[in-house]
Amino acid sequence: MWASGVLLALAAAVGIYNSAQNARRETQRILAENGAAWNAIHKEQLEFRNVGLAREPRFYDMPGVQNYEFKATVKNNSADTLGVVQIKVWLKDCEDDGVACETIGSQDTWIGTRIPPGEVREIRDTLHFANQPEVRKKFTWSYEVGSLKRF
């Protein structure tokens, strides 16, 4: 009776170990597929046109929060359908020369889209900047394309 209990416990331990190993392998497979999706398209394969950032006043603005709409037309020159674009935006207060600037806000956004290879679509998103100080000199902004994910 004692031996059958030990065998049962051993069988259960082996089953739990195998289940954990299978779960680990499945997790690694999913992470590898997801990583491949995030690295399939490169920034150089996209063409950004008509990029703009506009103040977007809303009736439900919260105190201390300013909304801006980022929009751009994007041509996908890759072989994969584009699914997500990360955009990083900086708001700046600059001297008249445009060189000496202070960053007064920054925001990242991930914009979901579906742009097949060789096609063009507009992307847009509203960004919310909290506690942005008043511009003292000249308002400027810049952006950078971050991570990209295929659809």
C-alpha atoms as a PDB file:
ATOM      1  CA  MET A   1       0.000   0.000   0.000  1.00  0.00           C
ATOM      2  CA  TRP A   2       2.844   2.376   0.868  1.00  0.00           C
ATOM      3  CA  ALA A   3       4.572   1.576  -2.463  1.00  0.00           C
ATOM      4  CA  SER A   4       1.427   2.307  -4.473  1.00  0.00           C
ATOM      5  CA  GLY A   5       1.130   5.689  -2.714  1.00  0.00           C
ATOM      6  CA  VAL A   6       4.731   6.514  -3.603  1.00  0.00           C
ATOM      7  CA  LEU A   7       4.154   5.448  -7.217  1.00  0.00           C
ATOM      8  CA  LEU A   8       1.010   7.578  -7.389  1.00  0.00           C
ATOM      9  CA  ALA A   9       2.864  10.602  -5.969  1.00  0.00           C
ATOM     10  CA  LEU A  10       5.738  10.026  -8.399  1.00  0.00           C
ATOM     11  CA  ALA A  11       3.353   9.769 -11.358  1.00  0.00           C
ATOM     12  CA  ALA A  12       1.642  12.989 -10.260  1.00  0.00           C
ATOM     13  CA  ALA A  13       4.994  14.771  -9.958  1.00  0.00           C
ATOM     14  CA  VAL A  14       6.038  13.612 -13.442  1.00  0.00           C
ATOM     15  CA  GLY A  15       2.679  14.780 -14.834  1.00  0.00           C
ATOM     16  CA  ILE A  16       3.024  18.187 -13.214  1.00  0.00           C
ATOM     17  CA  TYR A  17       6.606  18.490 -14.473  1.00  0.00           C
ATOM     18  CA  ASN A  18       5.576  17.581 -18.048  1.00  0.00           C
ATOM     19  CA  SER A  19       2.655  20.012 -17.908  1.00  0.00           C
ATOM     20  CA  ALA A  20       4.948  22.803 -16.724  1.00  0.00           C
ATOM     21  CA  GLN A  21       7.471  22.015 -19.476  1.00  0.00           C
ATOM     22  CA  ASN A  22       4.727  22.063 -22.120  1.00  0.00           C
ATOM     23  CA  ALA A  23       3.456  25.403 -20.795  1.00  0.00           C
ATOM     24  CA  ARG A  24       6.996  26.818 -20.866  1.00  0.00           C
ATOM     25  CA  ARG A  25       7.527  25.657 -24.466  1.00  0.00           C
ATOM     26  CA  GLU A  26       4.173  27.132 -25.537  1.00  0.00           C
ATOM     27  CA  THR A  27       5.012  30.446 -23.840  1.00  0.00           C
ATOM     28  CA  GLN A  28       8.397  30.545 -25.604  1.00  0.00           C
ATOM     29  CA  ARG A  29       6.707  29.812 -28.952  1.00  0.00           C
ATOM     30  CA  ILE A  30       4.161  32.619 -28.456  1.00  0.00           C
ATOM     31  CA  LEU A  31       6.864  35.076 -27.381  1.00  0.00           C
ATOM     32  CA  ALA A  32       8.997  34.161 -30.400  1.00  0.00           C
ATOM     33  CA  GLU A  33       6.054  34.678 -32.772  1.00  0.00           C
ATOM     34  CA  ASN A  34       5.147  37.971 -31.118  1.00  0.00           C
ATOM     35  CA  GLY A  35       8.778  39.125 -31.225  1.00  0.00           C
ATOM     36  CA  ALA A  36       8.948  38.267 -34.919  1.00  0.00           C
ATOM     37  CA  ALA A  37       5.785  40.278 -35.521  1.00  0.00           C
ATOM     38  CA  TRP A  38       7.292  43.309 -33.769  1.00  0.00           C
ATOM     39  CA  ASN A  39      10.520  43.084 -35.764  1.00  0.00           C
ATOM     40  CA  ALA A  40       9.176  42.236 -39.230  1.00  0.00           C
ATOM     41  CA  ILE A  41       8.804  45.827 -40.495  1.00  0.00           C
ATOM     42  CA  HIS A  42      11.533  48.473 -40.268  1.00  0.00           C
ATOM     43  CA  LYS A  43      11.085  52.260 -40.081  1.00  0.00           C
ATOM     44  CA  GLU A  44      12.955  52.703 -43.354  1.00  0.00           C
ATOM     45  CA  GLN A  45      10.212  50.699 -45.119  1.00  0.00           C
ATOM     46  CA  LEU A  46       7.550  53.295 -44.287  1.00  0.00           C
ATOM     47  CA  GLU A  47       7.018  56.670 -45.914  1.00  0.00           C
ATOM     48  CA  PHE A  48       5.380  59.331 -43.726  1.00  0.00           C
ATOM     49  CA  ARG A  49       3.613  62.229 -45.475  1.00  0.00           C
ATOM     50  CA  ASN A  50       1.522  65.191 -44.299  1.00  0.00           C
ATOM     51  CA  VAL A  51       2.544  64.685 -40.678  1.00  0.00           C
ATOM     52  CA  GLY A  52       0.782  67.099 -38.370  1.00  0.00           C
ATOM     53  CA  LEU A  53      -0.009  67.878 -34.753  1.00  0.00           C
ATOM     54  CA  ALA A  54      -2.931  70.170 -33.935  1.00  0.00           C
ATOM     55  CA  ARG A  55      -4.352  71.418 -30.652  1.00  0.00           C
ATOM     56  CA  GLU A  56      -7.676  69.734 -30.143  1.00  0.00           C
ATOM     57  CA  PRO A  57      -9.838  71.548 -27.609  1.00  0.00           C
ATOM     58  CA  ARG A  58     -12.544  69.341 -26.168  1.00  0.00           C
ATOM     59  CA  PHE A  59     -15.505  70.138 -24.009  1.00  0.00           C
ATOM     60  CA  TYR A  60     -14.392  67.498 -21.500  1.00  0.00           C
ATOM     61  CA  ASP A  61     -10.813  68.727 -21.109  1.00  0.00           C
ATOM     62  CA  MET A  62      -9.576  68.077 -17.621  1.00  0.00           C
ATOM     63  CA  PRO A  63      -7.810  70.902 -15.799  1.00  0.00           C
ATOM     64  CA  GLY A  64      -4.103  70.842 -16.600  1.00  0.00           C
ATOM     65  CA  VAL A  65      -4.513  68.519 -19.609  1.00  0.00           C
ATOM     66  CA  GLN A  66      -4.176  69.640 -23.224  1.00  0.00           C
ATOM     67  CA  ASN A  67      -5.175  67.434 -26.136  1.00  0.00           C
ATOM     68  CA  TYR A  68      -3.406  67.308 -29.489  1.00  0.00           C
ATOM     69  CA  GLU A  69      -4.282  65.251 -32.541  1.00  0.00           C
ATOM     70  CA  PHE A  70      -1.373  63.569 -34.298  1.00  0.00           C
ATOM     71  CA  LYS A  71      -2.060  62.501 -37.860  1.00  0.00           C
ATOM     72  CA  ALA A  72      -0.025  61.325 -40.810  1.00  0.00           C
ATOM     73  CA  THR A  73      -0.393  59.565 -44.118  1.00  0.00           C
ATOM     74  CA  VAL A  74       1.715  56.399 -44.210  1.00  0.00           C
ATOM     75  CA  LYS A  75       2.827  54.358 -47.209  1.00  0.00           C
ATOM     76  CA  ASN A  76       3.869  50.816 -46.409  1.00  0.00           C
ATOM     77  CA  ASN A  77       6.809  49.803 -48.606  1.00  0.00           C
ATOM     78  CA  SER A  78       7.408  46.531 -46.740  1.00  0.00           C
ATOM     79  CA  ALA A  79       6.335  43.027 -47.721  1.00  0.00           C
ATOM     80  CA  ASP A  80       4.112  42.704 -44.596  1.00  0.00           C
ATOM     81  CA  THR A  81       0.827  44.323 -43.596  1.00  0.00           C
ATOM     82  CA  LEU A  82       1.459  47.001 -40.965  1.00  0.00           C
ATOM     83  CA  GLY A  83      -0.654  46.579 -37.824  1.00  0.00           C
ATOM     84  CA  VAL A  84       0.729  48.900 -35.114  1.00  0.00           C
ATOM     85  CA  VAL A  85       2.851  52.060 -35.224  1.00  0.00           C
ATOM     86  CA  GLN A  86       4.432  53.552 -32.112  1.00  0.00           C
ATOM     87  CA  ILE A  87       4.871  57.313 -32.340  1.00  0.00           C
ATOM     88  CA  LYS A  88       6.851  59.383 -29.835  1.00  0.00           C
ATOM     89  CA  VAL A  89       5.963  63.094 -29.741  1.00  0.00           C
ATOM     90  CA  TRP A  90       7.791  65.934 -28.009  1.00  0.00           C
ATOM     91  CA  LEU A  91       6.366  69.430 -27.449  1.00  0.00           C
ATOM     92  CA  LYS A  92       8.990  72.148 -27.224  1.00  0.00           C
ATOM     93  CA  ASP A  93       9.349  75.798 -26.277  1.00  0.00           C
ATOM     94  CA  CYS A  94      12.166  77.207 -28.425  1.00  0.00           C
ATOM     95  CA  GLU A  95      14.093  80.397 -28.885  1.00  0.00           C
ATOM     96  CA  ASP A  96      13.488  82.138 -32.204  1.00  0.00           C
ATOM     97  CA  ASP A  97      16.518  80.380 -33.689  1.00  0.00           C
ATOM     98  CA  GLY A  98      14.749  77.038 -33.194  1.00  0.00           C
ATOM     99  CA  VAL A  99      17.901  75.512 -31.741  1.00  0.00           C
ATOM    100  CA  ALA A 100      17.744  76.298 -28.018  1.00  0.00           C
ATOM    101  CA  CYS A 101      14.632  74.405 -26.908  1.00  0.00           C
ATOM    102  CA  GLU A 102      13.079  73.114 -23.724  1.00  0.00           C
ATOM    103  CA  THR A 103      10.872  70.028 -23.817  1.00  0.00           C
ATOM    104  CA  ILE A 104       7.532  70.924 -22.229  1.00  0.00           C
ATOM    105  CA  GLY A 105       5.756  67.636 -22.912  1.00  0.00           C
ATOM    106  CA  SER A 106       6.348  64.165 -24.278  1.00  0.00           C
ATOM    107  CA  GLN A 107       4.034  61.303 -25.074  1.00  0.00           C
ATOM    108  CA  ASP A 108       4.139  57.858 -26.683  1.00  0.00           C
ATOM    109  CA  THR A 109       1.192  56.387 -28.540  1.00  0.00           C
ATOM    110  CA  TRP A 110       0.569  53.067 -30.241  1.00  0.00           C
ATOM    111  CA  ILE A 111      -1.742  53.452 -33.224  1.00  0.00           C
ATOM    112  CA  GLY A 112      -3.531  50.387 -34.518  1.00  0.00           C
ATOM    113  CA  THR A 113      -3.955  50.264 -38.271  1.00  0.00           C
ATOM    114  CA  ARG A 114      -4.030  47.892 -41.219  1.00  0.00           C
ATOM    115  CA  ILE A 115      -1.872  48.983 -44.141  1.00  0.00           C
ATOM    116  CA  PRO A 116      -1.184  46.242 -46.709  1.00  0.00           C
ATOM    117  CA  PRO A 117       2.125  46.218 -48.627  1.00  0.00           C
ATOM    118  CA  GLY A 118       2.348  49.013 -51.187  1.00  0.00           C
ATOM    119  CA  GLU A 119      -0.759  50.812 -49.900  1.00  0.00           C
ATOM    120  CA  VAL A 120      -1.315  54.169 -48.196  1.00  0.00           C
ATOM    121  CA  ARG A 121      -3.523  54.970 -45.183  1.00  0.00           C
ATOM    122  CA  GLU A 122      -4.018  57.820 -42.756  1.00  0.00           C
ATOM    123  CA  ILE A 123      -3.239  57.217 -39.092  1.00  0.00           C
ATOM    124  CA  ARG A 124      -4.328  59.459 -36.232  1.00  0.00           C
ATOM    125  CA  ASP A 125      -4.567  59.547 -32.477  1.00  0.00           C
ATOM    126  CA  THR A 126      -5.315  62.064 -29.749  1.00  0.00           C
ATOM    127  CA  LEU A 127      -2.483  62.649 -27.288  1.00  0.00           C
ATOM    128  CA  HIS A 128      -3.083  64.013 -23.798  1.00  0.00           C
ATOM    129  CA  PHE A 129      -0.365  66.170 -22.250  1.00  0.00           C
ATOM    130  CA  ALA A 130      -0.694  66.861 -18.532  1.00  0.00           C
ATOM    131  CA  ASN A 131       0.724  69.893 -16.755  1.00  0.00           C
ATOM    132  CA  GLN A 132       2.121  71.468 -19.901  1.00  0.00           C
ATOM    133  CA  PRO A 133       3.464  74.951 -19.080  1.00  0.00           C
ATOM    134  CA  GLU A 134       2.632  78.014 -21.132  1.00  0.00           C
ATOM    135  CA  VAL A 135       4.879  78.553 -24.131  1.00  0.00           C
ATOM    136  CA  ARG A 136       7.180  81.521 -23.497  1.00  0.00           C
ATOM    137  CA  LYS A 137       8.854  81.778 -26.899  1.00  0.00           C
ATOM    138  CA  LYS A 138       7.997  79.652 -29.932  1.00  0.00           C
ATOM    139  CA  PHE A 139       5.996  76.405 -29.881  1.00  0.00           C
ATOM    140  CA  THR A 140       7.507  73.567 -31.914  1.00  0.00           C
ATOM    141  CA  TRP A 141       7.173  69.815 -31.842  1.00  0.00           C
ATOM    142  CA  SER A 142       8.922  66.750 -33.169  1.00  0.00           C
ATOM    143  CA  TYR A 143       8.143  63.076 -33.539  1.00  0.00           C
ATOM    144  CA  GLU A 144       9.929  59.790 -33.974  1.00  0.00           C
ATOM    145  CA  VAL A 145       8.680  56.446 -35.211  1.00  0.00           C
ATOM    146  CA  GLY A 146       9.237  53.799 -32.560  1.00  0.00           C
ATOM    147  CA  SER A 147       8.241  50.145 -32.651  1.00  0.00           C
ATOM    148  CA  LEU A 148       6.319  48.634 -35.567  1.00  0.00           C
ATOM    149  CA  LYS A 149       4.238  45.468 -35.607  1.00  0.00           C
ATOM    150  CA  ARG A 150       2.941  43.547 -38.589  1.00  0.00           C
ATOM    151  CA  PHE A 151      -0.752  42.744 -38.731  1.00  0.00           C
END
